[in-house]
Every structure is written in structure tokens, then in C-alpha cells.
Amino acid sequence: MFKLLFKIIGSIILVIAIIVGVAVWKGGEPFRWIGDGTIIIGEAIKEVGNTIDDIKQGQKKAARKIIQLKEELDSIQGKRKEGKKTQPENKDGTANKN
């Protein structure tokens, strides 16, 4: 059991040493694609963040517009109620034209 564990740990250390050796020997050229990929991923994340910020701003504007519309509808409905109080209605629901 301990021999197996020792072999696994030893092989992991050997692989890490080989990777570090190749990176130093070649000047990091074999692993440059990792850096390029992270730059591309970083730019994509920024774009997604900007898009989400735009959506949030749009939601805030839409919420404000909805509130304004609701207030306008409430004021119109209030005016209608006031108008109905002053004008008596017929049995069929229409206002008198007196």
C-alpha cells in the first residue's frame, strides 16, 4: 500500500519537474497558448459583464417607465371615478346626457 502511494507521489513530482524543465528550457513557448487563451477569456468576460450592466440599466429604465405609466393610469382612473360621481348613470350603464 505504501509502495503504491510512494510511486504515485514520486511520479507526480517527476511530471511536475519535467513540465517546469520544459517551460524553462523553451522559454515558456510551449505554454504560451495558455496565456493567450486567458487573455481571450478575460476579454470575453469583460464583454459579458458590460452586456449584463447594459441589461441592468435597461431594467432600471423599464421599471421607472412602468412606475410612470402606473401613476398616469391611476390618475386617469381617479379622474374617471370623479367624473362618474358627478354624472348619474342609466340602468344600461351609459351616462345621462342632461
PDB file of N, CA and C in Angstrom:
ATOM      1  N   MET A   1       0.823  -1.192   0.000  1.00  0.00           N
ATOM      2  CA  MET A   1       0.000   0.000   0.000  1.00  0.00           C
ATOM      3  C   MET A   1       0.867   1.256   0.000  1.00  0.00           C
ATOM      4  N   PHE A   2       1.857   1.290   0.901  1.00  0.00           N
ATOM      5  CA  PHE A   2       2.732   2.445   0.972  1.00  0.00           C
ATOM      6  C   PHE A   2       3.621   2.546  -0.254  1.00  0.00           C
ATOM      7  N   LYS A   3       3.973   1.396  -0.834  1.00  0.00           N
ATOM      8  CA  LYS A   3       4.785   1.414  -2.046  1.00  0.00           C
ATOM      9  C   LYS A   3       4.004   2.056  -3.196  1.00  0.00           C
ATOM     10  N   LEU A   4       2.718   1.753  -3.310  1.00  0.00           N
ATOM     11  CA  LEU A   4       1.871   2.325  -4.359  1.00  0.00           C
ATOM     12  C   LEU A   4       1.737   3.834  -4.169  1.00  0.00           C
ATOM     13  N   LEU A   5       1.470   4.256  -2.939  1.00  0.00           N
ATOM     14  CA  LEU A   5       1.379   5.676  -2.636  1.00  0.00           C
ATOM     15  C   LEU A   5       2.696   6.387  -2.947  1.00  0.00           C
ATOM     16  N   PHE A   6       3.793   5.794  -2.580  1.00  0.00           N
ATOM     17  CA  PHE A   6       5.105   6.374  -2.838  1.00  0.00           C
ATOM     18  C   PHE A   6       5.357   6.502  -4.340  1.00  0.00           C
ATOM     19  N   LYS A   7       4.973   5.481  -5.111  1.00  0.00           N
ATOM     20  CA  LYS A   7       5.158   5.530  -6.565  1.00  0.00           C
ATOM     21  C   LYS A   7       4.288   6.613  -7.207  1.00  0.00           C
ATOM     22  N   ILE A   8       3.055   6.759  -6.742  1.00  0.00           N
ATOM     23  CA  ILE A   8       2.151   7.784  -7.287  1.00  0.00           C
ATOM     24  C   ILE A   8       2.694   9.174  -6.982  1.00  0.00           C
ATOM     25  N   ILE A   9       3.084   9.410  -5.744  1.00  0.00           N
ATOM     26  CA  ILE A   9       3.619  10.721  -5.369  1.00  0.00           C
ATOM     27  C   ILE A   9       4.916  10.993  -6.120  1.00  0.00           C
ATOM     28  N   GLY A  10       5.761   9.997  -6.245  1.00  0.00           N
ATOM     29  CA  GLY A  10       7.021  10.160  -6.982  1.00  0.00           C
ATOM     30  C   GLY A  10       6.783  10.481  -8.448  1.00  0.00           C
ATOM     31  N   SER A  11       5.812   9.810  -9.077  1.00  0.00           N
ATOM     32  CA  SER A  11       5.543  10.077 -10.491  1.00  0.00           C
ATOM     33  C   SER A  11       4.935  11.469 -10.673  1.00  0.00           C
ATOM     34  N   ILE A  12       4.107  11.924  -9.739  1.00  0.00           N
ATOM     35  CA  ILE A  12       3.552  13.279  -9.812  1.00  0.00           C
ATOM     36  C   ILE A  12       4.673  14.310  -9.724  1.00  0.00           C
ATOM     37  N   ILE A  13       5.590  14.120  -8.797  1.00  0.00           N
ATOM     38  CA  ILE A  13       6.720  15.040  -8.656  1.00  0.00           C
ATOM     39  C   ILE A  13       7.577  15.017  -9.919  1.00  0.00           C
ATOM     40  N   LEU A  14       7.791  13.855 -10.512  1.00  0.00           N
ATOM     41  CA  LEU A  14       8.570  13.739 -11.747  1.00  0.00           C
ATOM     42  C   LEU A  14       7.895  14.482 -12.902  1.00  0.00           C
ATOM     43  N   VAL A  15       6.598  14.339 -13.032  1.00  0.00           N
ATOM     44  CA  VAL A  15       5.866  15.024 -14.102  1.00  0.00           C
ATOM     45  C   VAL A  15       5.943  16.541 -13.914  1.00  0.00           C
ATOM     46  N   ILE A  16       5.791  17.004 -12.690  1.00  0.00           N
ATOM     47  CA  ILE A  16       5.889  18.441 -12.418  1.00  0.00           C
ATOM     48  C   ILE A  16       7.288  18.947 -12.744  1.00  0.00           C
ATOM     49  N   ALA A  17       8.306  18.184 -12.392  1.00  0.00           N
ATOM     50  CA  ALA A  17       9.686  18.585 -12.684  1.00  0.00           C
ATOM     51  C   ALA A  17       9.923  18.660 -14.195  1.00  0.00           C
ATOM     52  N   ILE A  18       9.384  17.703 -14.945  1.00  0.00           N
ATOM     53  CA  ILE A  18       9.539  17.707 -16.406  1.00  0.00           C
ATOM     54  C   ILE A  18       8.837  18.923 -17.014  1.00  0.00           C
ATOM     55  N   ILE A  19       7.632  19.218 -16.564  1.00  0.00           N
ATOM     56  CA  ILE A  19       6.878  20.371 -17.081  1.00  0.00           C
ATOM     57  C   ILE A  19       7.639  21.668 -16.798  1.00  0.00           C
ATOM     58  N   VAL A  20       8.120  21.832 -15.578  1.00  0.00           N
ATOM     59  CA  VAL A  20       8.875  23.038 -15.232  1.00  0.00           C
ATOM     60  C   VAL A  20      10.160  23.104 -16.051  1.00  0.00           C
ATOM     61  N   GLY A  21      10.840  21.983 -16.225  1.00  0.00           N
ATOM     62  CA  GLY A  21      12.073  21.950 -17.021  1.00  0.00           C
ATOM     63  C   GLY A  21      11.835  22.348 -18.476  1.00  0.00           C
ATOM     64  N   VAL A  22      10.795  21.822 -19.094  1.00  0.00           N
ATOM     65  CA  VAL A  22      10.468  22.174 -20.480  1.00  0.00           C
ATOM     66  C   VAL A  22      10.101  23.649 -20.576  1.00  0.00           C
ATOM     67  N   ALA A  23       9.350  24.160 -19.600  1.00  0.00           N
ATOM     68  CA  ALA A  23       8.953  25.569 -19.618  1.00  0.00           C
ATOM     69  C   ALA A  23      10.173  26.476 -19.539  1.00  0.00           C
ATOM     70  N   VAL A  24      11.128  26.144 -18.691  1.00  0.00           N
ATOM     71  CA  VAL A  24      12.333  26.959 -18.555  1.00  0.00           C
ATOM     72  C   VAL A  24      13.225  26.798 -19.777  1.00  0.00           C
ATOM     73  N   TRP A  25      13.366  25.595 -20.259  1.00  0.00           N
ATOM     74  CA  TRP A  25      14.270  25.314 -21.390  1.00  0.00           C
ATOM     75  C   TRP A  25      13.799  25.998 -22.669  1.00  0.00           C
ATOM     76  N   LYS A  26      12.525  25.951 -22.946  1.00  0.00           N
ATOM     77  CA  LYS A  26      11.966  26.542 -24.167  1.00  0.00           C
ATOM     78  C   LYS A  26      11.539  27.997 -23.967  1.00  0.00           C
ATOM     79  N   GLY A  27      11.766  28.548 -22.819  1.00  0.00           N
ATOM     80  CA  GLY A  27      11.386  29.935 -22.572  1.00  0.00           C
ATOM     81  C   GLY A  27       9.886  30.119 -22.440  1.00  0.00           C
ATOM     82  N   GLY A  28       9.152  29.094 -22.093  1.00  0.00           N
ATOM     83  CA  GLY A  28       7.716  29.188 -21.899  1.00  0.00           C
ATOM     84  C   GLY A  28       6.923  29.095 -23.190  1.00  0.00           C
ATOM     85  N   GLU A  29       7.587  28.887 -24.324  1.00  0.00           N
ATOM     86  CA  GLU A  29       6.893  28.846 -25.618  1.00  0.00           C
ATOM     87  C   GLU A  29       5.825  27.745 -25.697  1.00  0.00           C
ATOM     88  N   PRO A  30       6.053  26.543 -25.190  1.00  0.00           N
ATOM     89  CA  PRO A  30       5.011  25.519 -25.282  1.00  0.00           C
ATOM     90  C   PRO A  30       3.746  25.855 -24.496  1.00  0.00           C
ATOM     91  N   PHE A  31       3.864  26.766 -23.547  1.00  0.00           N
ATOM     92  CA  PHE A  31       2.727  27.083 -22.694  1.00  0.00           C
ATOM     93  C   PHE A  31       2.175  28.472 -22.965  1.00  0.00           C
ATOM     94  N   ARG A  32       2.648  29.121 -23.996  1.00  0.00           N
ATOM     95  CA  ARG A  32       2.189  30.469 -24.322  1.00  0.00           C
ATOM     96  C   ARG A  32       0.711  30.485 -24.702  1.00  0.00           C
ATOM     97  N   TRP A  33       0.215  29.407 -25.288  1.00  0.00           N
ATOM     98  CA  TRP A  33      -1.203  29.335 -25.667  1.00  0.00           C
ATOM     99  C   TRP A  33      -2.109  29.454 -24.456  1.00  0.00           C
ATOM    100  N   ILE A  34      -1.613  29.042 -23.295  1.00  0.00           N
ATOM    101  CA  ILE A  34      -2.416  29.168 -22.079  1.00  0.00           C
ATOM    102  C   ILE A  34      -2.610  30.647 -21.757  1.00  0.00           C
ATOM    103  N   GLY A  35      -1.516  31.432 -21.873  1.00  0.00           N
ATOM    104  CA  GLY A  35      -1.609  32.871 -21.622  1.00  0.00           C
ATOM    105  C   GLY A  35      -2.502  33.561 -22.629  1.00  0.00           C
ATOM    106  N   ASP A  36      -2.381  33.188 -23.905  1.00  0.00           N
ATOM    107  CA  ASP A  36      -3.231  33.773 -24.938  1.00  0.00           C
ATOM    108  C   ASP A  36      -4.696  33.427 -24.690  1.00  0.00           C
ATOM    109  N   GLY A  37      -4.921  32.203 -24.303  1.00  0.00           N
ATOM    110  CA  GLY A  37      -6.298  31.781 -24.020  1.00  0.00           C
ATOM    111  C   GLY A  37      -6.905  32.535 -22.853  1.00  0.00           C
ATOM    112  N   THR A  38      -6.100  32.786 -21.821  1.00  0.00           N
ATOM    113  CA  THR A  38      -6.639  33.513 -20.677  1.00  0.00           C
ATOM    114  C   THR A  38      -6.923  34.965 -21.033  1.00  0.00           C
ATOM    115  N   ILE A  39      -6.131  35.538 -21.937  1.00  0.00           N
ATOM    116  CA  ILE A  39      -6.408  36.913 -22.384  1.00  0.00           C
ATOM    117  C   ILE A  39      -7.737  36.950 -23.128  1.00  0.00           C
ATOM    118  N   ILE A  40      -7.949  35.999 -24.019  1.00  0.00           N
ATOM    119  CA  ILE A  40      -9.193  35.937 -24.786  1.00  0.00           C
ATOM    120  C   ILE A  40     -10.380  35.723 -23.845  1.00  0.00           C
ATOM    121  N   ILE A  41     -10.210  34.835 -22.889  1.00  0.00           N
ATOM    122  CA  ILE A  41     -11.281  34.563 -21.926  1.00  0.00           C
ATOM    123  C   ILE A  41     -11.569  35.814 -21.088  1.00  0.00           C
ATOM    124  N   GLY A  42     -10.513  36.524 -20.680  1.00  0.00           N
ATOM    125  CA  GLY A  42     -10.699  37.747 -19.902  1.00  0.00           C
ATOM    126  C   GLY A  42     -11.479  38.802 -20.667  1.00  0.00           C
ATOM    127  N   GLU A  43     -11.168  38.965 -21.970  1.00  0.00           N
ATOM    128  CA  GLU A  43     -11.895  39.929 -22.788  1.00  0.00           C
ATOM    129  C   GLU A  43     -13.356  39.511 -22.943  1.00  0.00           C
ATOM    130  N   ALA A  44     -13.594  38.222 -23.115  1.00  0.00           N
ATOM    131  CA  ALA A  44     -14.974  37.738 -23.243  1.00  0.00           C
ATOM    132  C   ALA A  44     -15.751  37.984 -21.948  1.00  0.00           C
ATOM    133  N   ILE A  45     -15.099  37.785 -20.817  1.00  0.00           N
ATOM    134  CA  ILE A  45     -15.760  38.019 -19.530  1.00  0.00           C
ATOM    135  C   ILE A  45     -16.104  39.495 -19.373  1.00  0.00           C
ATOM    136  N   LYS A  46     -15.197  40.390 -19.816  1.00  0.00           N
ATOM    137  CA  LYS A  46     -15.484  41.824 -19.748  1.00  0.00           C
ATOM    138  C   LYS A  46     -16.686  42.173 -20.617  1.00  0.00           C
ATOM    139  N   GLU A  47     -16.751  41.591 -21.822  1.00  0.00           N
ATOM    140  CA  GLU A  47     -17.884  41.856 -22.711  1.00  0.00           C
ATOM    141  C   GLU A  47     -19.191  41.377 -22.096  1.00  0.00           C
ATOM    142  N   VAL A  48     -19.161  40.201 -21.486  1.00  0.00           N
ATOM    143  CA  VAL A  48     -20.364  39.675 -20.836  1.00  0.00           C
ATOM    144  C   VAL A  48     -20.770  40.588 -19.681  1.00  0.00           C
ATOM    145  N   GLY A  49     -19.789  41.051 -18.911  1.00  0.00           N
ATOM    146  CA  GLY A  49     -20.079  41.969 -17.809  1.00  0.00           C
ATOM    147  C   GLY A  49     -20.701  43.267 -18.297  1.00  0.00           C
ATOM    148  N   ASN A  50     -20.154  43.815 -19.397  1.00  0.00           N
ATOM    149  CA  ASN A  50     -20.726  45.046 -19.957  1.00  0.00           C
ATOM    150  C   ASN A  50     -22.149  44.815 -20.447  1.00  0.00           C
ATOM    151  N   THR A  51     -22.380  43.663 -21.067  1.00  0.00           N
ATOM    152  CA  THR A  51     -23.725  43.337 -21.539  1.00  0.00           C
ATOM    153  C   THR A  51     -24.698  43.239 -20.366  1.00  0.00           C
ATOM    154  N   ILE A  52     -24.268  42.607 -19.301  1.00  0.00           N
ATOM    155  CA  ILE A  52     -25.118  42.474 -18.118  1.00  0.00           C
ATOM    156  C   ILE A  52     -25.402  43.851 -17.504  1.00  0.00           C
ATOM    157  N   ASP A  53     -24.375  44.728 -17.474  1.00  0.00           N
ATOM    158  CA  ASP A  53     -24.596  46.087 -16.968  1.00  0.00           C
ATOM    159  C   ASP A  53     -25.609  46.827 -17.826  1.00  0.00           C
ATOM    160  N   ASP A  54     -25.523  46.665 -19.147  1.00  0.00           N
ATOM    161  CA  ASP A  54     -26.490  47.304 -20.044  1.00  0.00           C
ATOM    162  C   ASP A  54     -27.899  46.785 -19.777  1.00  0.00           C
ATOM    163  N   ILE A  55     -28.006  45.481 -19.563  1.00  0.00           N
ATOM    164  CA  ILE A  55     -29.318  44.883 -19.281  1.00  0.00           C
ATOM    165  C   ILE A  55     -29.871  45.440 -17.970  1.00  0.00           C
ATOM    166  N   LYS A  56     -29.015  45.555 -16.958  1.00  0.00           N
ATOM    167  CA  LYS A  56     -29.461  46.091 -15.677  1.00  0.00           C
ATOM    168  C   LYS A  56     -29.941  47.529 -15.835  1.00  0.00           C
ATOM    169  N   GLN A  57     -29.194  48.326 -16.603  1.00  0.00           N
ATOM    170  CA  GLN A  57     -29.610  49.710 -16.836  1.00  0.00           C
ATOM    171  C   GLN A  57     -30.950  49.743 -17.555  1.00  0.00           C
ATOM    172  N   GLY A  58     -31.117  48.850 -18.535  1.00  0.00           N
ATOM    173  CA  GLY A  58     -32.389  48.773 -19.255  1.00  0.00           C
ATOM    174  C   GLY A  58     -33.523  48.382 -18.337  1.00  0.00           C
ATOM    175  N   GLN A  59     -33.265  47.467 -17.419  1.00  0.00           N
ATOM    176  CA  GLN A  59     -34.299  47.060 -16.468  1.00  0.00           C
ATOM    177  C   GLN A  59     -34.678  48.222 -15.562  1.00  0.00           C
ATOM    178  N   LYS A  60     -33.693  49.006 -15.138  1.00  0.00           N
ATOM    179  CA  LYS A  60     -34.000  50.149 -14.271  1.00  0.00           C
ATOM    180  C   LYS A  60     -34.839  51.164 -15.025  1.00  0.00           C
ATOM    181  N   LYS A  61     -34.470  51.409 -16.285  1.00  0.00           N
ATOM    182  CA  LYS A  61     -35.245  52.353 -17.092  1.00  0.00           C
ATOM    183  C   LYS A  61     -36.658  51.827 -17.309  1.00  0.00           C
ATOM    184  N   ALA A  62     -36.760  50.534 -17.590  1.00  0.00           N
ATOM    185  CA  ALA A  62     -38.083  49.942 -17.809  1.00  0.00           C
ATOM    186  C   ALA A  62     -38.913  50.004 -16.527  1.00  0.00           C
ATOM    187  N   ALA A  63     -38.291  49.764 -15.395  1.00  0.00           N
ATOM    188  CA  ALA A  63     -39.025  49.823 -14.123  1.00  0.00           C
ATOM    189  C   ALA A  63     -39.521  51.239 -13.861  1.00  0.00           C
ATOM    190  N   ARG A  64     -38.660  52.238 -14.139  1.00  0.00           N
ATOM    191  CA  ARG A  64     -39.096  53.621 -13.961  1.00  0.00           C
ATOM    192  C   ARG A  64     -40.256  53.954 -14.885  1.00  0.00           C
ATOM    193  N   LYS A  65     -40.187  53.494 -16.123  1.00  0.00           N
ATOM    194  CA  LYS A  65     -41.244  53.758 -17.097  1.00  0.00           C
ATOM    195  C   LYS A  65     -42.547  53.092 -16.652  1.00  0.00           C
ATOM    196  N   ILE A  66     -42.455  51.874 -16.140  1.00  0.00           N
ATOM    197  CA  ILE A  66     -43.644  51.171 -15.667  1.00  0.00           C
ATOM    198  C   ILE A  66     -44.277  51.933 -14.503  1.00  0.00           C
ATOM    199  N   ILE A  67     -43.448  52.432 -13.606  1.00  0.00           N
ATOM    200  CA  ILE A  67     -43.971  53.198 -12.474  1.00  0.00           C
ATOM    201  C   ILE A  67     -44.664  54.460 -12.966  1.00  0.00           C
ATOM    202  N   GLN A  68     -44.045  55.150 -13.946  1.00  0.00           N
ATOM    203  CA  GLN A  68     -44.664  56.357 -14.501  1.00  0.00           C
ATOM    204  C   GLN A  68     -46.003  56.027 -15.149  1.00  0.00           C
ATOM    205  N   LEU A  69     -46.033  54.948 -15.921  1.00  0.00           N
ATOM    206  CA  LEU A  69     -47.283  54.556 -16.575  1.00  0.00           C
ATOM    207  C   LEU A  69     -48.350  54.202 -15.556  1.00  0.00           C
ATOM    208  N   LYS A  70     -47.945  53.512 -14.493  1.00  0.00           N
ATOM    209  CA  LYS A  70     -48.900  53.146 -13.450  1.00  0.00           C
ATOM    210  C   LYS A  70     -49.467  54.388 -12.780  1.00  0.00           C
ATOM    211  N   GLU A  71     -48.588  55.363 -12.515  1.00  0.00           N
ATOM    212  CA  GLU A  71     -49.073  56.605 -11.896  1.00  0.00           C
ATOM    213  C   GLU A  71     -50.038  57.337 -12.830  1.00  0.00           C
ATOM    214  N   GLU A  72     -49.710  57.367 -14.120  1.00  0.00           N
ATOM    215  CA  GLU A  72     -50.604  58.018 -15.076  1.00  0.00           C
ATOM    216  C   GLU A  72     -51.947  57.306 -15.145  1.00  0.00           C
ATOM    217  N   LEU A  73     -51.915  55.976 -15.176  1.00  0.00           N
ATOM    218  CA  LEU A  73     -53.160  55.216 -15.218  1.00  0.00           C
ATOM    219  C   LEU A  73     -53.975  55.421 -13.946  1.00  0.00           C
ATOM    220  N   ASP A  74     -53.302  55.479 -12.807  1.00  0.00           N
ATOM    221  CA  ASP A  74     -54.010  55.722 -11.556  1.00  0.00           C
ATOM    222  C   ASP A  74     -54.662  57.100 -11.556  1.00  0.00           C
ATOM    223  N   SER A  75     -53.937  58.098 -12.089  1.00  0.00           N
ATOM    224  CA  SER A  75     -54.528  59.443 -12.120  1.00  0.00           C
ATOM    225  C   SER A  75     -55.704  59.489 -13.092  1.00  0.00           C
ATOM    226  N   ILE A  76     -55.588  58.815 -14.220  1.00  0.00           N
ATOM    227  CA  ILE A  76     -56.700  58.760 -15.176  1.00  0.00           C
ATOM    228  C   ILE A  76     -57.890  58.049 -14.550  1.00  0.00           C
ATOM    229  N   GLN A  77     -57.613  56.941 -13.858  1.00  0.00           N
ATOM    230  CA  GLN A  77     -58.684  56.192 -13.216  1.00  0.00           C
ATOM    231  C   GLN A  77     -59.341  57.046 -12.125  1.00  0.00           C
ATOM    232  N   GLY A  78     -58.540  57.826 -11.405  1.00  0.00           N
ATOM    233  CA  GLY A  78     -59.102  58.714 -10.380  1.00  0.00           C
ATOM    234  C   GLY A  78     -59.993  59.770 -10.996  1.00  0.00           C
ATOM    235  N   LYS A  79     -59.578  60.321 -12.133  1.00  0.00           N
ATOM    236  CA  LYS A  79     -60.401  61.317 -12.825  1.00  0.00           C
ATOM    237  C   LYS A  79     -61.694  60.692 -13.319  1.00  0.00           C
ATOM    238  N   ARG A  80     -61.615  59.467 -13.788  1.00  0.00           N
ATOM    239  CA  ARG A  80     -62.826  58.775 -14.265  1.00  0.00           C
ATOM    240  C   ARG A  80     -63.809  58.579 -13.127  1.00  0.00           C
ATOM    241  N   LYS A  81     -63.284  58.165 -11.983  1.00  0.00           N
ATOM    242  CA  LYS A  81     -64.162  57.936 -10.832  1.00  0.00           C
ATOM    243  C   LYS A  81     -64.826  59.231 -10.408  1.00  0.00           C
ATOM    244  N   GLU A  82     -64.073  60.327 -10.425  1.00  0.00           N
ATOM    245  CA  GLU A  82     -64.644  61.621 -10.061  1.00  0.00           C
ATOM    246  C   GLU A  82     -65.714  62.024 -11.064  1.00  0.00           C
ATOM    247  N   GLY A  83     -65.467  61.781 -12.350  1.00  0.00           N
ATOM    248  CA  GLY A  83     -66.436  62.107 -13.393  1.00  0.00           C
ATOM    249  C   GLY A  83     -67.689  61.272 -13.271  1.00  0.00           C
ATOM    250  N   LYS A  84     -67.574  60.036 -12.881  1.00  0.00           N
ATOM    251  CA  LYS A  84     -68.738  59.162 -12.742  1.00  0.00           C
ATOM    252  C   LYS A  84     -69.592  59.571 -11.563  1.00  0.00           C
ATOM    253  N   LYS A  85     -68.971  60.138 -10.526  1.00  0.00           N
ATOM    254  CA  LYS A  85     -69.737  60.554  -9.365  1.00  0.00           C
ATOM    255  C   LYS A  85     -70.645  61.732  -9.708  1.00  0.00           C
ATOM    256  N   THR A  86     -70.173  62.619 -10.577  1.00  0.00           N
ATOM    257  CA  THR A  86     -70.968  63.799 -10.904  1.00  0.00           C
ATOM    258  C   THR A  86     -72.037  63.500 -11.937  1.00  0.00           C
ATOM    259  N   GLN A  87     -71.840  62.478 -12.781  1.00  0.00           N
ATOM    260  CA  GLN A  87     -72.816  62.153 -13.818  1.00  0.00           C
ATOM    261  C   GLN A  87     -73.547  60.869 -13.442  1.00  0.00           C
ATOM    262  N   PRO A  88     -74.842  60.938 -13.171  1.00  0.00           N
ATOM    263  CA  PRO A  88     -75.581  59.709 -12.849  1.00  0.00           C
ATOM    264  C   PRO A  88     -75.688  58.821 -14.091  1.00  0.00           C
ATOM    265  N   GLU A  89     -75.721  57.537 -13.873  1.00  0.00           N
ATOM    266  CA  GLU A  89     -75.792  56.591 -14.980  1.00  0.00           C
ATOM    267  C   GLU A  89     -77.208  56.053 -15.146  1.00  0.00           C
ATOM    268  N   ASN A  90     -77.546  55.656 -16.367  1.00  0.00           N
ATOM    269  CA  ASN A  90     -78.797  54.963 -16.649  1.00  0.00           C
ATOM    270  C   ASN A  90     -78.668  53.519 -16.215  1.00  0.00           C
ATOM    271  N   LYS A  91     -79.746  52.777 -16.324  1.00  0.00           N
ATOM    272  CA  LYS A  91     -79.726  51.366 -15.938  1.00  0.00           C
ATOM    273  C   LYS A  91     -78.822  50.535 -16.841  1.00  0.00           C
ATOM    274  N   ASP A  92     -78.657  50.961 -18.099  1.00  0.00           N
ATOM    275  CA  ASP A  92     -77.837  50.204 -19.027  1.00  0.00           C
ATOM    276  C   ASP A  92     -76.355  50.546 -18.902  1.00  0.00           C
ATOM    277  N   GLY A  93     -75.974  51.443 -18.000  1.00  0.00           N
ATOM    278  CA  GLY A  93     -74.572  51.747 -17.760  1.00  0.00           C
ATOM    279  C   GLY A  93     -74.049  52.951 -18.486  1.00  0.00           C
ATOM    280  N   THR A  94     -74.850  53.616 -19.316  1.00  0.00           N
ATOM    281  CA  THR A  94     -74.383  54.814 -20.012  1.00  0.00           C
ATOM    282  C   THR A  94     -74.701  56.046 -19.195  1.00  0.00           C
ATOM    283  N   ALA A  95     -73.927  57.112 -19.375  1.00  0.00           N
ATOM    284  CA  ALA A  95     -74.138  58.352 -18.628  1.00  0.00           C
ATOM    285  C   ALA A  95     -75.295  59.137 -19.227  1.00  0.00           C
ATOM    286  N   ASN A  96     -76.019  59.866 -18.375  1.00  0.00           N
ATOM    287  CA  ASN A  96     -77.098  60.735 -18.840  1.00  0.00           C
ATOM    288  C   ASN A  96     -76.508  61.907 -19.609  1.00  0.00           C
ATOM    289  N   LYS A  97     -77.236  62.368 -20.610  1.00  0.00           N
ATOM    290  CA  LYS A  97     -76.757  63.484 -21.416  1.00  0.00           C
ATOM    291  C   LYS A  97     -77.471  64.786 -21.057  1.00  0.00           C
ATOM    292  N   ASN A  98     -77.947  64.918 -19.860  1.00  0.00           N
ATOM    293  CA  ASN A  98     -78.648  66.127 -19.425  1.00  0.00           C
ATOM    294  C   ASN A  98     -77.724  67.279 -19.216  1.00  0.00           C
TER     295      ASN A  98
END
